[in-house]
Amino acid sequence: MTLRLILWGLVVILVLGSVWQFLRALRLGRAPMTTSRLAATAESGDDAAGADDDEDGFDYAPQLRPVSATIATPPEQVAPAQPARVPTPVVPAPEVFQLELEVRHLQRELEGQQELIALQRAQIEALHSELGGLHLQLADAVVAQPSTSPEYSEAMQLAGQGHDAQEIAARCGISVAEAGLVQSLARAGGARS
């Protein structure tokens, strides 16, 4: 026989045993507990209940135990109410250990996040100072840069004096179309001021 056949045989035996136990549990269903049997169970304790179950072979369901009834005292005899004490929850040691580990992990994570925030703040401050320097450089460059091209500054002056496009083109060495454009720009600039 091979190992595979042996394993399949064990699986079949286990399945058949579980089916047999299930059917047996269904067939031996519990009868409702009567008051006399309930009283006998309460008097004899676990031993009598265990003896009844042992004759069936296996205890499939827990037994119901009677609860002793307490008689309520009349309101006149009740003592004055004391402040309610809130019980502190008792946490088992393994859970306390797990909670402490989690708290430490969260503290380390928080410290890492705080370090990251400090680094980002420093980078933002550096970017702000760099941006301020670039603004100053840009403002200086705009002030230093002439508003018109040096090539066309003479043409703008001539157009402002009222010369026509052909004269401007001949004096400045530009085409007549460019001179016409300079002339229209000079008129638009004069109309704005």
C-alpha atoms as a PDB file:
ATOM      1  CA  MET A   1       0.000   0.000   0.000  1.00  0.00           C
ATOM      2  CA  THR A   2       1.162   3.449  -0.709  1.00  0.00           C
ATOM      3  CA  LEU A   3       1.088   6.341   1.659  1.00  0.00           C
ATOM      4  CA  ARG A   4      -1.605   8.019  -0.426  1.00  0.00           C
ATOM      5  CA  LEU A   5      -4.016   5.089   0.010  1.00  0.00           C
ATOM      6  CA  ILE A   6      -3.372   5.017   3.753  1.00  0.00           C
ATOM      7  CA  LEU A   7      -4.142   8.734   4.032  1.00  0.00           C
ATOM      8  CA  TRP A   8      -7.359   8.376   1.996  1.00  0.00           C
ATOM      9  CA  GLY A   9      -8.430   5.514   4.221  1.00  0.00           C
ATOM     10  CA  LEU A  10      -7.885   7.639   7.349  1.00  0.00           C
ATOM     11  CA  VAL A  11      -9.889  10.490   5.814  1.00  0.00           C
ATOM     12  CA  VAL A  12     -12.786   8.153   5.012  1.00  0.00           C
ATOM     13  CA  ILE A  13     -12.744   6.736   8.562  1.00  0.00           C
ATOM     14  CA  LEU A  14     -12.749  10.246  10.066  1.00  0.00           C
ATOM     15  CA  VAL A  15     -15.660  11.350   7.867  1.00  0.00           C
ATOM     16  CA  LEU A  16     -17.681   8.241   8.728  1.00  0.00           C
ATOM     17  CA  GLY A  17     -16.999   8.720  12.442  1.00  0.00           C
ATOM     18  CA  SER A  18     -18.162  12.358  12.320  1.00  0.00           C
ATOM     19  CA  VAL A  19     -21.338  11.425  10.446  1.00  0.00           C
ATOM     20  CA  TRP A  20     -22.056   8.687  13.015  1.00  0.00           C
ATOM     21  CA  GLN A  21     -21.555  11.125  15.928  1.00  0.00           C
ATOM     22  CA  PHE A  22     -23.828  13.688  14.256  1.00  0.00           C
ATOM     23  CA  LEU A  23     -26.606  11.154  13.685  1.00  0.00           C
ATOM     24  CA  ARG A  24     -26.267   9.897  17.253  1.00  0.00           C
ATOM     25  CA  ALA A  25     -26.571  13.447  18.574  1.00  0.00           C
ATOM     26  CA  LEU A  26     -29.728  13.985  16.557  1.00  0.00           C
ATOM     27  CA  ARG A  27     -31.267  10.698  17.744  1.00  0.00           C
ATOM     28  CA  LEU A  28     -30.482  11.350  21.428  1.00  0.00           C
ATOM     29  CA  GLY A  29     -32.159  14.763  21.460  1.00  0.00           C
ATOM     30  CA  ARG A  30     -32.733  16.157  24.937  1.00  0.00           C
ATOM     31  CA  ALA A  31     -36.135  15.779  26.552  1.00  0.00           C
ATOM     32  CA  PRO A  32     -37.479  18.946  28.208  1.00  0.00           C
ATOM     33  CA  MET A  33     -36.297  19.208  31.780  1.00  0.00           C
ATOM     34  CA  THR A  34     -39.063  18.707  34.341  1.00  0.00           C
ATOM     35  CA  THR A  35     -39.199  20.525  37.654  1.00  0.00           C
ATOM     36  CA  SER A  36     -38.440  17.365  39.646  1.00  0.00           C
ATOM     37  CA  ARG A  37     -35.370  16.670  37.516  1.00  0.00           C
ATOM     38  CA  LEU A  38     -34.361  20.349  37.790  1.00  0.00           C
ATOM     39  CA  ALA A  39     -34.604  20.160  41.602  1.00  0.00           C
ATOM     40  CA  ALA A  40     -32.621  16.911  41.647  1.00  0.00           C
ATOM     41  CA  THR A  41     -29.939  18.524  39.518  1.00  0.00           C
ATOM     42  CA  ALA A  42     -29.741  21.525  41.829  1.00  0.00           C
ATOM     43  CA  GLU A  43     -29.447  19.334  44.946  1.00  0.00           C
ATOM     44  CA  SER A  44     -26.952  16.844  43.673  1.00  0.00           C
ATOM     45  CA  GLY A  45     -24.798  19.348  41.759  1.00  0.00           C
ATOM     46  CA  ASP A  46     -22.646  18.441  38.857  1.00  0.00           C
ATOM     47  CA  ASP A  47     -22.156  14.794  39.891  1.00  0.00           C
ATOM     48  CA  ALA A  48     -25.775  13.752  39.319  1.00  0.00           C
ATOM     49  CA  ALA A  49     -25.986  15.631  36.043  1.00  0.00           C
ATOM     50  CA  GLY A  50     -22.718  14.087  34.945  1.00  0.00           C
ATOM     51  CA  ALA A  51     -23.998  10.593  35.818  1.00  0.00           C
ATOM     52  CA  ASP A  52     -27.101  11.075  33.635  1.00  0.00           C
ATOM     53  CA  ASP A  53     -24.984  12.241  30.772  1.00  0.00           C
ATOM     54  CA  ASP A  54     -22.405   9.507  31.162  1.00  0.00           C
ATOM     55  CA  GLU A  55     -24.986   6.827  30.546  1.00  0.00           C
ATOM     56  CA  ASP A  56     -25.648   8.353  27.101  1.00  0.00           C
ATOM     57  CA  GLY A  57     -21.958   8.463  26.410  1.00  0.00           C
ATOM     58  CA  PHE A  58     -21.405  12.143  25.667  1.00  0.00           C
ATOM     59  CA  ASP A  59     -22.798  15.485  26.839  1.00  0.00           C
ATOM     60  CA  TYR A  60     -23.826  17.475  23.775  1.00  0.00           C
ATOM     61  CA  ALA A  61     -25.553  20.441  25.405  1.00  0.00           C
ATOM     62  CA  PRO A  62     -25.126  22.253  28.711  1.00  0.00           C
ATOM     63  CA  GLN A  63     -27.635  21.671  31.516  1.00  0.00           C
ATOM     64  CA  LEU A  64     -29.850  24.489  32.725  1.00  0.00           C
ATOM     65  CA  ARG A  65     -29.199  25.402  36.341  1.00  0.00           C
ATOM     66  CA  PRO A  66     -31.878  26.963  38.550  1.00  0.00           C
ATOM     67  CA  VAL A  67     -31.258  30.546  39.561  1.00  0.00           C
ATOM     68  CA  SER A  68     -31.994  31.377  43.178  1.00  0.00           C
ATOM     69  CA  ALA A  69     -34.622  34.078  43.359  1.00  0.00           C
ATOM     70  CA  THR A  70     -34.048  37.087  45.567  1.00  0.00           C
ATOM     71  CA  ILE A  71     -36.941  38.839  47.239  1.00  0.00           C
ATOM     72  CA  ALA A  72     -37.052  42.565  46.729  1.00  0.00           C
ATOM     73  CA  THR A  73     -37.151  44.621  49.922  1.00  0.00           C
ATOM     74  CA  PRO A  74     -39.869  47.236  50.292  1.00  0.00           C
ATOM     75  CA  PRO A  75     -38.820  50.832  49.556  1.00  0.00           C
ATOM     76  CA  GLU A  76     -39.063  51.874  53.236  1.00  0.00           C
ATOM     77  CA  GLN A  77     -36.314  49.439  54.209  1.00  0.00           C
ATOM     78  CA  VAL A  78     -33.920  50.393  51.475  1.00  0.00           C
ATOM     79  CA  ALA A  79     -30.754  52.094  52.696  1.00  0.00           C
ATOM     80  CA  PRO A  80     -29.986  55.577  51.350  1.00  0.00           C
ATOM     81  CA  ALA A  81     -28.317  55.498  47.986  1.00  0.00           C
ATOM     82  CA  GLN A  82     -24.558  55.586  48.044  1.00  0.00           C
ATOM     83  CA  PRO A  83     -22.615  57.172  45.219  1.00  0.00           C
ATOM     84  CA  ALA A  84     -22.201  54.646  42.465  1.00  0.00           C
ATOM     85  CA  ARG A  85     -18.709  53.332  42.066  1.00  0.00           C
ATOM     86  CA  VAL A  86     -17.620  52.846  38.539  1.00  0.00           C
ATOM     87  CA  PRO A  87     -15.746  49.587  38.376  1.00  0.00           C
ATOM     88  CA  THR A  88     -12.439  49.834  36.641  1.00  0.00           C
ATOM     89  CA  PRO A  89     -12.202  47.324  33.859  1.00  0.00           C
ATOM     90  CA  VAL A  90      -9.773  44.542  34.554  1.00  0.00           C
ATOM     91  CA  VAL A  91      -7.695  43.886  31.482  1.00  0.00           C
ATOM     92  CA  PRO A  92      -5.832  40.589  31.261  1.00  0.00           C
ATOM     93  CA  ALA A  93      -2.045  40.820  31.214  1.00  0.00           C
ATOM     94  CA  PRO A  94      -1.591  39.714  27.573  1.00  0.00           C
ATOM     95  CA  GLU A  95      -4.004  42.441  26.435  1.00  0.00           C
ATOM     96  CA  VAL A  96      -2.212  45.051  28.552  1.00  0.00           C
ATOM     97  CA  PHE A  97       1.087  44.019  26.999  1.00  0.00           C
ATOM     98  CA  GLN A  98      -0.410  44.205  23.510  1.00  0.00           C
ATOM     99  CA  LEU A  99      -1.901  47.639  24.239  1.00  0.00           C
ATOM    100  CA  GLU A 100       1.429  48.925  25.574  1.00  0.00           C
ATOM    101  CA  LEU A 101       3.187  47.690  22.444  1.00  0.00           C
ATOM    102  CA  GLU A 102       0.625  49.430  20.283  1.00  0.00           C
ATOM    103  CA  VAL A 103       0.976  52.682  22.245  1.00  0.00           C
ATOM    104  CA  ARG A 104       4.769  52.589  21.897  1.00  0.00           C
ATOM    105  CA  HIS A 105       4.465  51.896  18.181  1.00  0.00           C
ATOM    106  CA  LEU A 106       2.073  54.833  17.772  1.00  0.00           C
ATOM    107  CA  GLN A 107       4.415  57.090  19.789  1.00  0.00           C
ATOM    108  CA  ARG A 108       7.344  56.191  17.520  1.00  0.00           C
ATOM    109  CA  GLU A 109       5.180  56.815  14.479  1.00  0.00           C
ATOM    110  CA  LEU A 110       4.107  60.199  15.892  1.00  0.00           C
ATOM    111  CA  GLU A 111       7.724  61.193  16.552  1.00  0.00           C
ATOM    112  CA  GLY A 112       8.613  60.271  12.974  1.00  0.00           C
ATOM    113  CA  GLN A 113       5.736  62.371  11.659  1.00  0.00           C
ATOM    114  CA  GLN A 114       6.823  65.321  13.823  1.00  0.00           C
ATOM    115  CA  GLU A 115      10.387  65.066  12.479  1.00  0.00           C
ATOM    116  CA  LEU A 116       9.019  64.986   8.945  1.00  0.00           C
ATOM    117  CA  ILE A 117       6.896  68.072   9.613  1.00  0.00           C
ATOM    118  CA  ALA A 118       9.923  69.944  11.018  1.00  0.00           C
ATOM    119  CA  LEU A 119      11.969  69.019   7.922  1.00  0.00           C
ATOM    120  CA  GLN A 120       9.188  70.155   5.614  1.00  0.00           C
ATOM    121  CA  ARG A 121       8.851  73.451   7.488  1.00  0.00           C
ATOM    122  CA  ALA A 122      12.579  74.087   7.077  1.00  0.00           C
ATOM    123  CA  GLN A 123      12.324  73.316   3.344  1.00  0.00           C
ATOM    124  CA  ILE A 124       9.321  75.642   3.001  1.00  0.00           C
ATOM    125  CA  GLU A 125      11.218  78.460   4.744  1.00  0.00           C
ATOM    126  CA  ALA A 126      14.184  77.936   2.398  1.00  0.00           C
ATOM    127  CA  LEU A 127      11.852  78.033  -0.605  1.00  0.00           C
ATOM    128  CA  HIS A 128      10.233  81.246   0.678  1.00  0.00           C
ATOM    129  CA  SER A 129      13.609  82.972   1.056  1.00  0.00           C
ATOM    130  CA  GLU A 130      14.693  81.747  -2.384  1.00  0.00           C
ATOM    131  CA  LEU A 131      11.415  82.964  -3.876  1.00  0.00           C
ATOM    132  CA  GLY A 132      11.904  86.381  -2.251  1.00  0.00           C
ATOM    133  CA  GLY A 133      15.378  86.623  -3.796  1.00  0.00           C
ATOM    134  CA  LEU A 134      13.999  85.686  -7.214  1.00  0.00           C
ATOM    135  CA  HIS A 135      11.311  88.372  -6.893  1.00  0.00           C
ATOM    136  CA  LEU A 136      13.993  90.986  -6.209  1.00  0.00           C
ATOM    137  CA  GLN A 137      16.066  89.790  -9.181  1.00  0.00           C
ATOM    138  CA  LEU A 138      13.020  89.868 -11.437  1.00  0.00           C
ATOM    139  CA  ALA A 139      12.080  93.380 -10.302  1.00  0.00           C
ATOM    140  CA  ASP A 140      15.638  94.603 -10.952  1.00  0.00           C
ATOM    141  CA  ALA A 141      15.667  92.970 -14.388  1.00  0.00           C
ATOM    142  CA  VAL A 142      12.327  94.546 -15.331  1.00  0.00           C
ATOM    143  CA  VAL A 143      13.490  98.012 -14.245  1.00  0.00           C
ATOM    144  CA  ALA A 144      16.810  97.688 -16.081  1.00  0.00           C
ATOM    145  CA  GLN A 145      15.224  96.417 -19.298  1.00  0.00           C
ATOM    146  CA  PRO A 146      14.150  99.105 -21.766  1.00  0.00           C
ATOM    147  CA  SER A 147      10.469  99.229 -22.659  1.00  0.00           C
ATOM    148  CA  THR A 148      11.178  99.139 -26.420  1.00  0.00           C
ATOM    149  CA  SER A 149      13.810  97.529 -28.537  1.00  0.00           C
ATOM    150  CA  PRO A 150      16.798  99.778 -29.290  1.00  0.00           C
ATOM    151  CA  GLU A 151      16.273  99.038 -32.971  1.00  0.00           C
ATOM    152  CA  TYR A 152      12.791 100.505 -32.872  1.00  0.00           C
ATOM    153  CA  SER A 153      13.293 103.322 -30.329  1.00  0.00           C
ATOM    154  CA  GLU A 154      14.352 105.801 -33.037  1.00  0.00           C
ATOM    155  CA  ALA A 155      11.427 104.665 -35.195  1.00  0.00           C
ATOM    156  CA  MET A 156       9.052 105.291 -32.252  1.00  0.00           C
ATOM    157  CA  GLN A 157      10.472 108.788 -31.792  1.00  0.00           C
ATOM    158  CA  LEU A 158      10.055 109.579 -35.493  1.00  0.00           C
ATOM    159  CA  ALA A 159       6.491 108.228 -35.485  1.00  0.00           C
ATOM    160  CA  GLY A 160       5.737 110.340 -32.408  1.00  0.00           C
ATOM    161  CA  GLN A 161       6.996 113.423 -34.274  1.00  0.00           C
ATOM    162  CA  GLY A 162       4.482 112.702 -37.082  1.00  0.00           C
ATOM    163  CA  HIS A 163       6.706 111.336 -39.897  1.00  0.00           C
ATOM    164  CA  ASP A 164       5.081 108.950 -42.382  1.00  0.00           C
ATOM    165  CA  ALA A 165       5.921 105.231 -42.714  1.00  0.00           C
ATOM    166  CA  GLN A 166       8.182 105.587 -45.784  1.00  0.00           C
ATOM    167  CA  GLU A 167      10.400 108.211 -44.124  1.00  0.00           C
ATOM    168  CA  ILE A 168      10.681 106.102 -40.950  1.00  0.00           C
ATOM    169  CA  ALA A 169      11.586 103.006 -43.025  1.00  0.00           C
ATOM    170  CA  ALA A 170      14.247 104.925 -44.956  1.00  0.00           C
ATOM    171  CA  ARG A 171      15.889 106.510 -41.904  1.00  0.00           C
ATOM    172  CA  CYS A 172      15.847 103.433 -39.580  1.00  0.00           C
ATOM    173  CA  GLY A 173      16.556 100.719 -42.155  1.00  0.00           C
ATOM    174  CA  ILE A 174      13.335  98.752 -41.531  1.00  0.00           C
ATOM    175  CA  SER A 175      10.608  97.693 -43.926  1.00  0.00           C
ATOM    176  CA  VAL A 176       7.633  99.915 -44.680  1.00  0.00           C
ATOM    177  CA  ALA A 177       5.269  97.403 -43.032  1.00  0.00           C
ATOM    178  CA  GLU A 178       7.319  97.514 -39.822  1.00  0.00           C
ATOM    179  CA  ALA A 179       7.344 101.288 -39.963  1.00  0.00           C
ATOM    180  CA  GLY A 180       3.525 101.266 -40.339  1.00  0.00           C
ATOM    181  CA  LEU A 181       3.247  99.014 -37.310  1.00  0.00           C
ATOM    182  CA  VAL A 182       5.544 101.303 -35.284  1.00  0.00           C
ATOM    183  CA  GLN A 183       3.438 104.267 -36.394  1.00  0.00           C
ATOM    184  CA  SER A 184       0.182 102.593 -35.229  1.00  0.00           C
ATOM    185  CA  LEU A 185       1.801 101.691 -31.894  1.00  0.00           C
ATOM    186  CA  ALA A 186       2.939 105.268 -31.399  1.00  0.00           C
ATOM    187  CA  ARG A 187      -0.612 106.515 -32.121  1.00  0.00           C
ATOM    188  CA  ALA A 188      -2.121 103.962 -29.678  1.00  0.00           C
ATOM    189  CA  GLY A 189       0.417 104.941 -27.001  1.00  0.00           C
ATOM    190  CA  GLY A 190      -0.305 108.666 -27.578  1.00  0.00           C
ATOM    191  CA  ALA A 191      -4.075 108.063 -27.363  1.00  0.00           C
ATOM    192  CA  ARG A 192      -3.659 106.298 -23.981  1.00  0.00           C
ATOM    193  CA  SER A 193      -1.657 109.094 -22.457  1.00  0.00           C
END
